[in-house]
Amino acid sequence: MDGDVRVCFVGDSFVAGVGDSDFLGWAGRVAAATSGDVALTVYNLGVRRQTSSEIRSRWLAECVQRLPEESDGRVVFSFGTNDTTVEHGAPRVDPDVSVQNLVVMLRECAAIGWPVLVVGPPPIGDIEQNARTAELSARFADVCASVGVEYVPVFDALAADAVWMQQVRDGDGAHPDRGGYRALAALVRPVWERWTPAR
C-alpha cells in the first residue's frame, strides 16, 4: 500500500457538494473510487459562495495543518463560478484578478512541493454568467498548461449533459443533485487516476 497520501480539496460550494442528497459531491465520489492500495486521507475544504480571492486568503493556512512534510501532500483546486457572479453591476471578481489568484496559488504550491490538480468551474442555470465562466475556464486552462499543472475542463461537457443541467434547474439554479455530481466526478476521475500515486 502506498503510504500516507493526503489530499486537500479546496474551493467553493461545488467542492463542498452542495445540493447532493448523498452528501458526497464530486470530490467524495472521486476519492471513494480510489484504489484501496493507496492509504488516502482527504479533506474537503469547500466553502459556499467563496470567490478565488477569498480562497486565496485562506487556503494555505488550512492546507499546512493537514499536509505535514512527512506525508505525500497534494492539493486539488476548483473555483471560479462565484467569481463570475454579477453583483452591483460587475462580476464579484475581475477575470484578471481571478487568473492572478490562480497563478499565485499554483506558485505557492510549487514552492512547497505539493502536486496540484485544478478542476475548472462548471455551468449553472444562467446563460449570461455561463458565457463568463466558460471564458474564465479557458484562461485557467492556459495558466495550468503554462506551468505543467493538470487541468480538468468540465464546463463544455456539463453544459451538454442533460442530467447536470436538469438537476441544476430543478434545484437552486446552480447546484445539481447526485446525478449531476456523478457526471462531474466521471470527468475528473481519469485525470485523478493519473495524478494520484501509481498503484
N, C-alpha and C. Protein backbone atom coordinates (compact mmCIF):
# COMPACT_ATOMS: atom_id res chain seq x y z
N MET A 1 0.84 -1.20 0.00
CA MET A 1 0.00 0.00 0.00
C MET A 1 0.88 1.25 0.00
N ASP A 2 0.54 2.20 -0.90
CA ASP A 2 1.25 3.48 -0.91
C ASP A 2 0.89 4.26 0.34
N GLY A 3 1.90 4.79 1.04
CA GLY A 3 1.65 5.29 2.38
C GLY A 3 1.34 6.77 2.49
N ASP A 4 0.37 7.09 3.31
CA ASP A 4 0.05 8.43 3.80
C ASP A 4 -0.07 9.47 2.70
N VAL A 5 -0.97 9.24 1.78
CA VAL A 5 -1.30 10.22 0.75
C VAL A 5 -2.44 11.10 1.28
N ARG A 6 -2.21 12.39 1.37
CA ARG A 6 -3.21 13.31 1.89
C ARG A 6 -3.54 14.36 0.84
N VAL A 7 -4.83 14.53 0.58
CA VAL A 7 -5.27 15.45 -0.46
C VAL A 7 -6.28 16.43 0.12
N CYS A 8 -6.01 17.72 -0.08
CA CYS A 8 -6.97 18.76 0.28
C CYS A 8 -7.73 19.19 -0.98
N PHE A 9 -9.04 19.08 -0.94
CA PHE A 9 -9.90 19.60 -2.00
C PHE A 9 -10.31 21.01 -1.57
N VAL A 10 -9.84 22.01 -2.28
CA VAL A 10 -10.00 23.40 -1.88
C VAL A 10 -10.87 24.14 -2.90
N GLY A 11 -11.91 24.80 -2.41
CA GLY A 11 -12.72 25.55 -3.36
C GLY A 11 -14.02 26.05 -2.79
N ASP A 12 -15.07 25.95 -3.62
CA ASP A 12 -16.35 26.59 -3.34
C ASP A 12 -17.42 25.56 -3.04
N SER A 13 -18.69 25.93 -3.28
CA SER A 13 -19.81 25.06 -2.94
C SER A 13 -19.85 23.79 -3.78
N PHE A 14 -19.32 23.84 -5.00
CA PHE A 14 -19.29 22.63 -5.82
C PHE A 14 -18.31 21.61 -5.24
N VAL A 15 -17.23 22.09 -4.68
CA VAL A 15 -16.30 21.21 -3.97
C VAL A 15 -16.98 20.62 -2.74
N ALA A 16 -17.73 21.46 -2.04
CA ALA A 16 -18.44 21.01 -0.84
C ALA A 16 -19.56 20.04 -1.16
N GLY A 17 -20.02 20.04 -2.41
CA GLY A 17 -21.10 19.12 -2.80
C GLY A 17 -22.48 19.61 -2.45
N VAL A 18 -22.67 20.91 -2.40
CA VAL A 18 -23.98 21.47 -2.06
C VAL A 18 -25.04 20.96 -3.05
N GLY A 19 -26.16 20.53 -2.51
CA GLY A 19 -27.26 20.03 -3.33
C GLY A 19 -27.31 18.52 -3.47
N ASP A 20 -26.23 17.84 -3.10
CA ASP A 20 -26.16 16.39 -3.27
C ASP A 20 -26.86 15.69 -2.11
N SER A 21 -27.91 14.94 -2.43
CA SER A 21 -28.65 14.21 -1.39
C SER A 21 -27.79 13.17 -0.70
N ASP A 22 -26.72 12.72 -1.36
CA ASP A 22 -25.82 11.74 -0.76
C ASP A 22 -24.70 12.38 0.06
N PHE A 23 -24.58 13.70 -0.01
CA PHE A 23 -23.55 14.44 0.74
C PHE A 23 -22.13 13.99 0.36
N LEU A 24 -21.94 13.65 -0.91
CA LEU A 24 -20.63 13.23 -1.39
C LEU A 24 -20.03 14.24 -2.36
N GLY A 25 -20.86 14.86 -3.19
CA GLY A 25 -20.35 15.75 -4.21
C GLY A 25 -19.45 15.00 -5.19
N TRP A 26 -18.72 15.75 -6.01
CA TRP A 26 -17.81 15.07 -6.93
C TRP A 26 -16.52 14.68 -6.22
N ALA A 27 -16.08 15.47 -5.26
CA ALA A 27 -14.82 15.17 -4.57
C ALA A 27 -14.94 13.86 -3.80
N GLY A 28 -16.04 13.67 -3.08
CA GLY A 28 -16.23 12.44 -2.33
C GLY A 28 -16.31 11.23 -3.23
N ARG A 29 -16.94 11.39 -4.38
CA ARG A 29 -17.07 10.26 -5.31
C ARG A 29 -15.72 9.89 -5.93
N VAL A 30 -14.96 10.90 -6.29
CA VAL A 30 -13.63 10.63 -6.86
C VAL A 30 -12.74 9.94 -5.83
N ALA A 31 -12.77 10.43 -4.60
CA ALA A 31 -11.96 9.82 -3.55
C ALA A 31 -12.40 8.39 -3.27
N ALA A 32 -13.72 8.16 -3.25
CA ALA A 32 -14.24 6.83 -2.95
C ALA A 32 -13.86 5.80 -4.00
N ALA A 33 -13.61 6.27 -5.22
CA ALA A 33 -13.25 5.36 -6.31
C ALA A 33 -11.76 5.05 -6.36
N THR A 34 -10.98 5.65 -5.48
CA THR A 34 -9.54 5.44 -5.48
C THR A 34 -9.20 4.04 -5.00
N SER A 35 -8.21 3.45 -5.61
CA SER A 35 -7.79 2.10 -5.26
C SER A 35 -7.48 1.97 -3.77
N GLY A 36 -7.86 0.82 -3.22
CA GLY A 36 -7.55 0.52 -1.83
C GLY A 36 -6.07 0.33 -1.57
N ASP A 37 -5.26 0.31 -2.64
CA ASP A 37 -3.81 0.19 -2.48
C ASP A 37 -3.16 1.50 -2.04
N VAL A 38 -3.95 2.59 -2.04
CA VAL A 38 -3.44 3.89 -1.63
C VAL A 38 -3.99 4.23 -0.25
N ALA A 39 -3.10 4.53 0.69
CA ALA A 39 -3.53 4.95 2.03
C ALA A 39 -3.90 6.43 1.95
N LEU A 40 -5.16 6.67 1.57
CA LEU A 40 -5.60 8.01 1.22
C LEU A 40 -6.39 8.67 2.35
N THR A 41 -6.03 9.91 2.66
CA THR A 41 -6.82 10.76 3.55
C THR A 41 -7.21 11.99 2.76
N VAL A 42 -8.51 12.33 2.75
CA VAL A 42 -8.95 13.51 2.01
C VAL A 42 -9.61 14.50 2.96
N TYR A 43 -9.43 15.77 2.64
CA TYR A 43 -10.02 16.87 3.41
C TYR A 43 -10.82 17.74 2.46
N ASN A 44 -12.11 17.89 2.73
CA ASN A 44 -12.93 18.75 1.89
C ASN A 44 -12.95 20.15 2.49
N LEU A 45 -12.35 21.09 1.75
CA LEU A 45 -12.24 22.47 2.21
C LEU A 45 -13.02 23.41 1.29
N GLY A 46 -14.21 22.94 0.87
CA GLY A 46 -15.09 23.76 0.07
C GLY A 46 -15.96 24.65 0.94
N VAL A 47 -16.12 25.91 0.54
CA VAL A 47 -16.92 26.88 1.28
C VAL A 47 -17.89 27.56 0.32
N ARG A 48 -19.16 27.55 0.68
CA ARG A 48 -20.19 28.15 -0.17
C ARG A 48 -19.94 29.63 -0.42
N ARG A 49 -20.19 30.02 -1.68
CA ARG A 49 -20.15 31.41 -2.16
C ARG A 49 -18.75 32.00 -2.21
N GLN A 50 -17.74 31.25 -1.88
CA GLN A 50 -16.41 31.86 -1.87
C GLN A 50 -15.86 32.05 -3.28
N THR A 51 -15.23 33.18 -3.47
CA THR A 51 -14.54 33.51 -4.70
C THR A 51 -13.09 33.06 -4.63
N SER A 52 -12.41 33.18 -5.74
CA SER A 52 -10.98 32.83 -5.75
C SER A 52 -10.19 33.73 -4.81
N SER A 53 -10.60 34.97 -4.65
CA SER A 53 -9.89 35.87 -3.74
C SER A 53 -10.03 35.42 -2.29
N GLU A 54 -11.23 35.00 -1.92
CA GLU A 54 -11.45 34.51 -0.57
C GLU A 54 -10.72 33.19 -0.33
N ILE A 55 -10.70 32.35 -1.34
CA ILE A 55 -9.99 31.07 -1.22
C ILE A 55 -8.49 31.31 -1.12
N ARG A 56 -7.99 32.23 -1.92
CA ARG A 56 -6.56 32.55 -1.87
C ARG A 56 -6.15 33.00 -0.47
N SER A 57 -7.02 33.71 0.22
CA SER A 57 -6.66 34.26 1.53
C SER A 57 -6.62 33.19 2.63
N ARG A 58 -7.23 32.05 2.41
CA ARG A 58 -7.34 31.06 3.49
C ARG A 58 -6.67 29.73 3.21
N TRP A 59 -6.48 29.39 1.93
CA TRP A 59 -6.17 28.00 1.60
C TRP A 59 -4.86 27.51 2.21
N LEU A 60 -3.83 28.34 2.19
CA LEU A 60 -2.52 27.87 2.60
C LEU A 60 -2.50 27.51 4.09
N ALA A 61 -3.06 28.38 4.92
CA ALA A 61 -3.09 28.10 6.36
C ALA A 61 -3.86 26.82 6.66
N GLU A 62 -4.92 26.56 5.90
CA GLU A 62 -5.72 25.36 6.12
C GLU A 62 -4.98 24.10 5.66
N CYS A 63 -4.30 24.20 4.54
CA CYS A 63 -3.62 23.02 4.00
C CYS A 63 -2.35 22.67 4.78
N VAL A 64 -1.64 23.66 5.24
CA VAL A 64 -0.42 23.39 6.01
C VAL A 64 -0.73 22.53 7.23
N GLN A 65 -1.88 22.76 7.84
CA GLN A 65 -2.27 21.98 9.02
C GLN A 65 -2.55 20.52 8.67
N ARG A 66 -2.91 20.26 7.43
CA ARG A 66 -3.37 18.93 7.03
C ARG A 66 -2.37 18.15 6.19
N LEU A 67 -1.35 18.83 5.70
CA LEU A 67 -0.36 18.19 4.82
C LEU A 67 1.04 18.33 5.40
N PRO A 68 1.35 17.57 6.43
CA PRO A 68 2.67 17.68 7.05
C PRO A 68 3.77 17.22 6.10
N GLU A 69 4.98 17.65 6.38
CA GLU A 69 6.10 17.37 5.48
C GLU A 69 6.32 15.89 5.25
N GLU A 70 6.05 15.06 6.26
CA GLU A 70 6.32 13.63 6.12
C GLU A 70 5.27 12.90 5.28
N SER A 71 4.19 13.58 4.91
CA SER A 71 3.14 12.95 4.10
C SER A 71 3.36 13.26 2.62
N ASP A 72 2.66 12.51 1.77
CA ASP A 72 2.59 12.82 0.34
C ASP A 72 1.40 13.77 0.18
N GLY A 73 1.65 15.05 0.41
CA GLY A 73 0.60 16.04 0.40
C GLY A 73 0.30 16.55 -0.99
N ARG A 74 -1.00 16.69 -1.30
CA ARG A 74 -1.44 17.13 -2.61
C ARG A 74 -2.63 18.06 -2.46
N VAL A 75 -2.86 18.90 -3.49
CA VAL A 75 -3.95 19.87 -3.44
C VAL A 75 -4.75 19.83 -4.73
N VAL A 76 -6.08 19.79 -4.59
CA VAL A 76 -6.99 19.94 -5.72
C VAL A 76 -7.73 21.26 -5.55
N PHE A 77 -7.60 22.14 -6.53
CA PHE A 77 -8.32 23.41 -6.52
C PHE A 77 -9.49 23.35 -7.49
N SER A 78 -10.60 23.97 -7.10
CA SER A 78 -11.72 24.16 -8.04
C SER A 78 -12.54 25.36 -7.58
N PHE A 79 -12.63 26.35 -8.45
CA PHE A 79 -13.36 27.58 -8.14
C PHE A 79 -13.56 28.37 -9.42
N GLY A 80 -14.31 29.45 -9.32
CA GLY A 80 -14.47 30.35 -10.47
C GLY A 80 -15.89 30.78 -10.74
N THR A 81 -16.87 29.92 -10.48
CA THR A 81 -18.25 30.29 -10.78
C THR A 81 -18.70 31.48 -9.94
N ASN A 82 -18.32 31.52 -8.67
CA ASN A 82 -18.69 32.67 -7.84
C ASN A 82 -18.00 33.95 -8.30
N ASP A 83 -16.82 33.81 -8.88
CA ASP A 83 -16.12 34.99 -9.40
C ASP A 83 -16.93 35.67 -10.50
N THR A 84 -17.62 34.87 -11.32
CA THR A 84 -18.33 35.40 -12.48
C THR A 84 -19.75 35.85 -12.17
N THR A 85 -20.18 35.69 -10.91
CA THR A 85 -21.50 36.17 -10.50
C THR A 85 -21.51 37.70 -10.45
N VAL A 86 -22.50 38.30 -11.07
CA VAL A 86 -22.60 39.76 -11.09
C VAL A 86 -23.28 40.26 -9.82
N GLU A 87 -22.61 41.18 -9.16
CA GLU A 87 -23.18 41.89 -8.01
C GLU A 87 -22.86 43.37 -8.17
N HIS A 88 -23.85 44.20 -7.97
CA HIS A 88 -23.67 45.66 -8.08
C HIS A 88 -23.13 46.04 -9.46
N GLY A 89 -23.60 45.31 -10.47
CA GLY A 89 -23.29 45.67 -11.84
C GLY A 89 -21.97 45.16 -12.40
N ALA A 90 -21.25 44.35 -11.63
CA ALA A 90 -19.97 43.83 -12.10
C ALA A 90 -19.72 42.45 -11.51
N PRO A 91 -18.88 41.64 -12.17
CA PRO A 91 -18.53 40.34 -11.59
C PRO A 91 -17.92 40.52 -10.20
N ARG A 92 -18.17 39.57 -9.32
CA ARG A 92 -17.64 39.65 -7.96
C ARG A 92 -16.12 39.76 -7.96
N VAL A 93 -15.47 39.11 -8.92
CA VAL A 93 -14.02 39.22 -9.07
C VAL A 93 -13.72 39.47 -10.53
N ASP A 94 -12.91 40.46 -10.81
CA ASP A 94 -12.50 40.74 -12.19
C ASP A 94 -11.74 39.52 -12.74
N PRO A 95 -11.98 39.16 -14.00
CA PRO A 95 -11.31 37.97 -14.54
C PRO A 95 -9.79 38.00 -14.43
N ASP A 96 -9.20 39.17 -14.60
CA ASP A 96 -7.74 39.26 -14.48
C ASP A 96 -7.29 38.93 -13.06
N VAL A 97 -8.09 39.34 -12.08
CA VAL A 97 -7.76 39.04 -10.69
C VAL A 97 -7.95 37.55 -10.42
N SER A 98 -8.99 36.97 -10.98
CA SER A 98 -9.21 35.52 -10.83
C SER A 98 -8.00 34.74 -11.34
N VAL A 99 -7.53 35.13 -12.50
CA VAL A 99 -6.37 34.45 -13.09
C VAL A 99 -5.14 34.64 -12.21
N GLN A 100 -4.93 35.85 -11.73
CA GLN A 100 -3.78 36.11 -10.87
C GLN A 100 -3.87 35.31 -9.58
N ASN A 101 -5.08 35.17 -9.04
CA ASN A 101 -5.25 34.36 -7.83
C ASN A 101 -4.80 32.93 -8.07
N LEU A 102 -5.20 32.37 -9.20
CA LEU A 102 -4.79 31.00 -9.53
C LEU A 102 -3.27 30.92 -9.69
N VAL A 103 -2.69 31.89 -10.38
CA VAL A 103 -1.24 31.90 -10.58
C VAL A 103 -0.52 31.88 -9.24
N VAL A 104 -0.96 32.71 -8.32
CA VAL A 104 -0.30 32.81 -7.01
C VAL A 104 -0.44 31.49 -6.25
N MET A 105 -1.62 30.90 -6.25
CA MET A 105 -1.82 29.66 -5.51
C MET A 105 -0.99 28.51 -6.09
N LEU A 106 -0.90 28.46 -7.40
CA LEU A 106 -0.07 27.43 -8.02
C LEU A 106 1.41 27.65 -7.69
N ARG A 107 1.82 28.91 -7.68
CA ARG A 107 3.21 29.23 -7.35
C ARG A 107 3.53 28.83 -5.90
N GLU A 108 2.59 29.07 -5.01
CA GLU A 108 2.80 28.71 -3.60
C GLU A 108 2.87 27.19 -3.43
N CYS A 109 2.04 26.47 -4.15
CA CYS A 109 2.10 25.01 -4.09
C CYS A 109 3.45 24.51 -4.60
N ALA A 110 3.91 25.09 -5.71
CA ALA A 110 5.19 24.66 -6.28
C ALA A 110 6.33 24.92 -5.31
N ALA A 111 6.28 26.04 -4.60
CA ALA A 111 7.35 26.38 -3.66
C ALA A 111 7.43 25.36 -2.53
N ILE A 112 6.28 24.84 -2.12
CA ILE A 112 6.26 23.85 -1.05
C ILE A 112 6.55 22.45 -1.58
N GLY A 113 6.19 22.21 -2.83
CA GLY A 113 6.39 20.90 -3.42
C GLY A 113 5.15 20.04 -3.45
N TRP A 114 3.97 20.65 -3.31
CA TRP A 114 2.73 19.90 -3.37
C TRP A 114 2.27 19.76 -4.82
N PRO A 115 2.06 18.54 -5.31
CA PRO A 115 1.44 18.37 -6.62
C PRO A 115 0.03 18.96 -6.61
N VAL A 116 -0.38 19.51 -7.75
CA VAL A 116 -1.67 20.20 -7.84
C VAL A 116 -2.48 19.66 -9.01
N LEU A 117 -3.78 19.58 -8.79
CA LEU A 117 -4.75 19.29 -9.84
C LEU A 117 -5.79 20.40 -9.78
N VAL A 118 -6.16 20.95 -10.93
CA VAL A 118 -7.16 22.01 -10.97
C VAL A 118 -8.35 21.53 -11.79
N VAL A 119 -9.53 21.66 -11.20
CA VAL A 119 -10.78 21.30 -11.87
C VAL A 119 -11.51 22.59 -12.19
N GLY A 120 -11.89 22.75 -13.45
CA GLY A 120 -12.50 24.00 -13.88
C GLY A 120 -13.88 24.23 -13.32
N PRO A 121 -14.37 25.46 -13.41
CA PRO A 121 -15.71 25.79 -12.90
C PRO A 121 -16.80 25.23 -13.81
N PRO A 122 -17.90 24.77 -13.22
CA PRO A 122 -18.99 24.20 -14.01
C PRO A 122 -20.04 25.25 -14.39
N PRO A 123 -20.93 24.90 -15.32
CA PRO A 123 -22.03 25.80 -15.68
C PRO A 123 -23.15 25.76 -14.66
N ILE A 124 -23.96 26.81 -14.67
CA ILE A 124 -25.16 26.86 -13.83
C ILE A 124 -26.36 27.15 -14.73
N GLY A 125 -27.44 27.67 -14.18
CA GLY A 125 -28.64 27.89 -14.96
C GLY A 125 -28.77 29.28 -15.56
N ASP A 126 -27.70 30.07 -15.55
CA ASP A 126 -27.72 31.44 -16.04
C ASP A 126 -26.86 31.52 -17.31
N ILE A 127 -27.51 31.79 -18.44
CA ILE A 127 -26.81 31.77 -19.73
C ILE A 127 -25.71 32.83 -19.79
N GLU A 128 -26.01 34.04 -19.36
CA GLU A 128 -25.01 35.11 -19.44
C GLU A 128 -23.82 34.82 -18.52
N GLN A 129 -24.10 34.34 -17.33
CA GLN A 129 -22.99 34.01 -16.43
C GLN A 129 -22.18 32.85 -16.99
N ASN A 130 -22.85 31.90 -17.61
CA ASN A 130 -22.13 30.76 -18.18
C ASN A 130 -21.13 31.20 -19.24
N ALA A 131 -21.46 32.22 -20.01
CA ALA A 131 -20.51 32.72 -21.01
C ALA A 131 -19.26 33.25 -20.33
N ARG A 132 -19.45 33.95 -19.23
CA ARG A 132 -18.28 34.47 -18.48
C ARG A 132 -17.48 33.33 -17.86
N THR A 133 -18.18 32.34 -17.35
CA THR A 133 -17.49 31.21 -16.72
C THR A 133 -16.71 30.41 -17.74
N ALA A 134 -17.27 30.22 -18.93
CA ALA A 134 -16.56 29.48 -19.99
C ALA A 134 -15.26 30.20 -20.36
N GLU A 135 -15.32 31.52 -20.45
CA GLU A 135 -14.11 32.28 -20.78
C GLU A 135 -13.07 32.16 -19.66
N LEU A 136 -13.53 32.22 -18.43
CA LEU A 136 -12.59 32.10 -17.30
C LEU A 136 -11.97 30.72 -17.26
N SER A 137 -12.77 29.69 -17.53
CA SER A 137 -12.23 28.33 -17.55
C SER A 137 -11.13 28.19 -18.59
N ALA A 138 -11.33 28.78 -19.75
CA ALA A 138 -10.30 28.72 -20.80
C ALA A 138 -9.02 29.42 -20.35
N ARG A 139 -9.15 30.52 -19.65
CA ARG A 139 -7.96 31.21 -19.15
C ARG A 139 -7.27 30.39 -18.07
N PHE A 140 -8.05 29.75 -17.20
CA PHE A 140 -7.45 28.87 -16.20
C PHE A 140 -6.68 27.74 -16.87
N ALA A 141 -7.24 27.19 -17.93
CA ALA A 141 -6.57 26.10 -18.65
C ALA A 141 -5.22 26.57 -19.19
N ASP A 142 -5.18 27.78 -19.72
CA ASP A 142 -3.92 28.32 -20.25
C ASP A 142 -2.88 28.48 -19.15
N VAL A 143 -3.32 28.98 -17.99
CA VAL A 143 -2.39 29.14 -16.86
C VAL A 143 -1.81 27.79 -16.47
N CYS A 144 -2.66 26.80 -16.33
CA CYS A 144 -2.19 25.48 -15.91
C CYS A 144 -1.24 24.87 -16.94
N ALA A 145 -1.57 25.02 -18.21
CA ALA A 145 -0.71 24.48 -19.26
C ALA A 145 0.67 25.14 -19.23
N SER A 146 0.71 26.43 -18.90
CA SER A 146 1.97 27.15 -18.92
C SER A 146 2.93 26.71 -17.82
N VAL A 147 2.39 26.09 -16.76
CA VAL A 147 3.25 25.66 -15.65
C VAL A 147 3.23 24.13 -15.46
N GLY A 148 2.62 23.43 -16.39
CA GLY A 148 2.64 21.98 -16.34
C GLY A 148 1.75 21.37 -15.27
N VAL A 149 0.65 22.04 -14.93
CA VAL A 149 -0.29 21.53 -13.94
C VAL A 149 -1.48 20.90 -14.65
N GLU A 150 -1.94 19.76 -14.16
CA GLU A 150 -3.10 19.09 -14.74
C GLU A 150 -4.35 19.96 -14.56
N TYR A 151 -5.11 20.11 -15.65
CA TYR A 151 -6.36 20.88 -15.60
C TYR A 151 -7.47 20.03 -16.19
N VAL A 152 -8.61 19.99 -15.50
CA VAL A 152 -9.76 19.25 -15.99
C VAL A 152 -10.84 20.26 -16.38
N PRO A 153 -11.03 20.49 -17.68
CA PRO A 153 -12.10 21.40 -18.11
C PRO A 153 -13.43 20.64 -18.10
N VAL A 154 -14.36 21.10 -17.29
CA VAL A 154 -15.63 20.38 -17.18
C VAL A 154 -16.79 21.18 -17.76
N PHE A 155 -16.57 22.44 -18.09
CA PHE A 155 -17.68 23.31 -18.46
C PHE A 155 -18.46 22.80 -19.67
N ASP A 156 -17.78 22.58 -20.77
CA ASP A 156 -18.49 22.21 -22.01
C ASP A 156 -19.24 20.89 -21.85
N ALA A 157 -18.58 19.91 -21.25
CA ALA A 157 -19.22 18.60 -21.10
C ALA A 157 -20.46 18.68 -20.22
N LEU A 158 -20.39 19.46 -19.16
CA LEU A 158 -21.54 19.55 -18.26
C LEU A 158 -22.65 20.43 -18.86
N ALA A 159 -22.28 21.43 -19.62
CA ALA A 159 -23.29 22.25 -20.29
C ALA A 159 -24.10 21.42 -21.28
N ALA A 160 -23.47 20.36 -21.80
CA ALA A 160 -24.16 19.47 -22.74
C ALA A 160 -24.75 18.25 -22.06
N ASP A 161 -24.58 18.14 -20.75
CA ASP A 161 -25.06 16.98 -20.01
C ASP A 161 -26.49 17.23 -19.53
N ALA A 162 -27.43 16.43 -20.03
CA ALA A 162 -28.84 16.65 -19.71
C ALA A 162 -29.12 16.50 -18.23
N VAL A 163 -28.45 15.57 -17.57
CA VAL A 163 -28.69 15.33 -16.15
C VAL A 163 -28.21 16.52 -15.33
N TRP A 164 -26.98 16.96 -15.59
CA TRP A 164 -26.44 18.11 -14.85
C TRP A 164 -27.35 19.32 -14.98
N MET A 165 -27.68 19.69 -16.22
CA MET A 165 -28.44 20.91 -16.44
C MET A 165 -29.86 20.80 -15.89
N GLN A 166 -30.49 19.64 -16.02
CA GLN A 166 -31.84 19.49 -15.50
C GLN A 166 -31.86 19.56 -13.98
N GLN A 167 -30.87 18.92 -13.36
CA GLN A 167 -30.83 18.95 -11.89
C GLN A 167 -30.49 20.34 -11.37
N VAL A 168 -29.67 21.09 -12.09
CA VAL A 168 -29.42 22.48 -11.72
C VAL A 168 -30.71 23.28 -11.78
N ARG A 169 -31.48 23.11 -12.86
CA ARG A 169 -32.75 23.83 -13.00
C ARG A 169 -33.74 23.40 -11.92
N ASP A 170 -33.76 22.12 -11.60
CA ASP A 170 -34.69 21.62 -10.59
C ASP A 170 -34.29 22.02 -9.17
N GLY A 171 -33.01 22.35 -9.00
CA GLY A 171 -32.51 22.72 -7.68
C GLY A 171 -32.56 24.22 -7.47
N ASP A 172 -31.43 24.77 -7.05
CA ASP A 172 -31.39 26.21 -6.73
C ASP A 172 -30.90 27.07 -7.89
N GLY A 173 -30.77 26.45 -9.07
CA GLY A 173 -30.30 27.19 -10.23
C GLY A 173 -28.80 27.13 -10.43
N ALA A 174 -28.10 26.51 -9.48
CA ALA A 174 -26.64 26.40 -9.58
C ALA A 174 -26.14 25.00 -9.29
N HIS A 175 -26.73 24.34 -8.30
CA HIS A 175 -26.19 23.06 -7.83
C HIS A 175 -27.09 21.89 -8.22
N PRO A 176 -26.50 20.80 -8.70
CA PRO A 176 -27.29 19.62 -9.04
C PRO A 176 -27.46 18.72 -7.82
N ASP A 177 -28.15 17.60 -8.03
CA ASP A 177 -28.23 16.54 -7.02
C ASP A 177 -27.20 15.48 -7.40
N ARG A 178 -27.39 14.29 -6.87
CA ARG A 178 -26.38 13.23 -7.01
C ARG A 178 -26.03 12.90 -8.46
N GLY A 179 -27.02 12.91 -9.34
CA GLY A 179 -26.74 12.57 -10.73
C GLY A 179 -25.78 13.53 -11.39
N GLY A 180 -25.96 14.80 -11.12
CA GLY A 180 -25.05 15.79 -11.69
C GLY A 180 -23.64 15.64 -11.15
N TYR A 181 -23.54 15.41 -9.84
CA TYR A 181 -22.20 15.23 -9.27
C TYR A 181 -21.54 13.95 -9.76
N ARG A 182 -22.34 12.93 -10.04
CA ARG A 182 -21.76 11.72 -10.64
C ARG A 182 -21.14 12.04 -12.00
N ALA A 183 -21.84 12.88 -12.78
CA ALA A 183 -21.33 13.27 -14.10
C ALA A 183 -20.03 14.06 -13.97
N LEU A 184 -19.96 14.97 -13.02
CA LEU A 184 -18.75 15.75 -12.82
C LEU A 184 -17.61 14.84 -12.36
N ALA A 185 -17.90 13.96 -11.43
CA ALA A 185 -16.87 13.04 -10.95
C ALA A 185 -16.32 12.17 -12.07
N ALA A 186 -17.19 11.76 -12.98
CA ALA A 186 -16.75 10.92 -14.11
C ALA A 186 -15.77 11.67 -15.00
N LEU A 187 -15.91 12.98 -15.11
CA LEU A 187 -14.97 13.78 -15.90
C LEU A 187 -13.63 13.92 -15.21
N VAL A 188 -13.66 14.00 -13.89
CA VAL A 188 -12.43 14.20 -13.13
C VAL A 188 -11.66 12.91 -12.94
N ARG A 189 -12.37 11.80 -12.83
CA ARG A 189 -11.75 10.55 -12.39
C ARG A 189 -10.56 10.10 -13.26
N PRO A 190 -10.63 10.14 -14.61
CA PRO A 190 -9.46 9.69 -15.38
C PRO A 190 -8.18 10.47 -15.08
N VAL A 191 -8.32 11.79 -14.89
CA VAL A 191 -7.15 12.61 -14.58
C VAL A 191 -6.69 12.34 -13.15
N TRP A 192 -7.64 12.21 -12.24
CA TRP A 192 -7.32 11.88 -10.85
C TRP A 192 -6.52 10.59 -10.78
N GLU A 193 -6.90 9.60 -11.55
CA GLU A 193 -6.21 8.30 -11.50
C GLU A 193 -4.77 8.41 -12.01
N ARG A 194 -4.53 9.31 -12.96
CA ARG A 194 -3.15 9.53 -13.42
C ARG A 194 -2.36 10.34 -12.41
N TRP A 195 -3.03 11.20 -11.70
CA TRP A 195 -2.38 12.18 -10.83
C TRP A 195 -2.04 11.61 -9.46
N THR A 196 -2.84 10.68 -8.96
CA THR A 196 -2.55 10.06 -7.68
C THR A 196 -1.41 9.06 -7.84
N PRO A 197 -0.76 8.66 -6.75
CA PRO A 197 0.41 7.79 -6.85
C PRO A 197 0.12 6.49 -7.59
N ALA A 198 1.12 6.02 -8.32
CA ALA A 198 0.98 4.77 -9.09
C ALA A 198 0.65 3.61 -8.15
N ARG A 199 -0.21 2.72 -8.65
CA ARG A 199 -0.65 1.62 -7.83
C ARG A 199 -0.23 0.30 -8.43
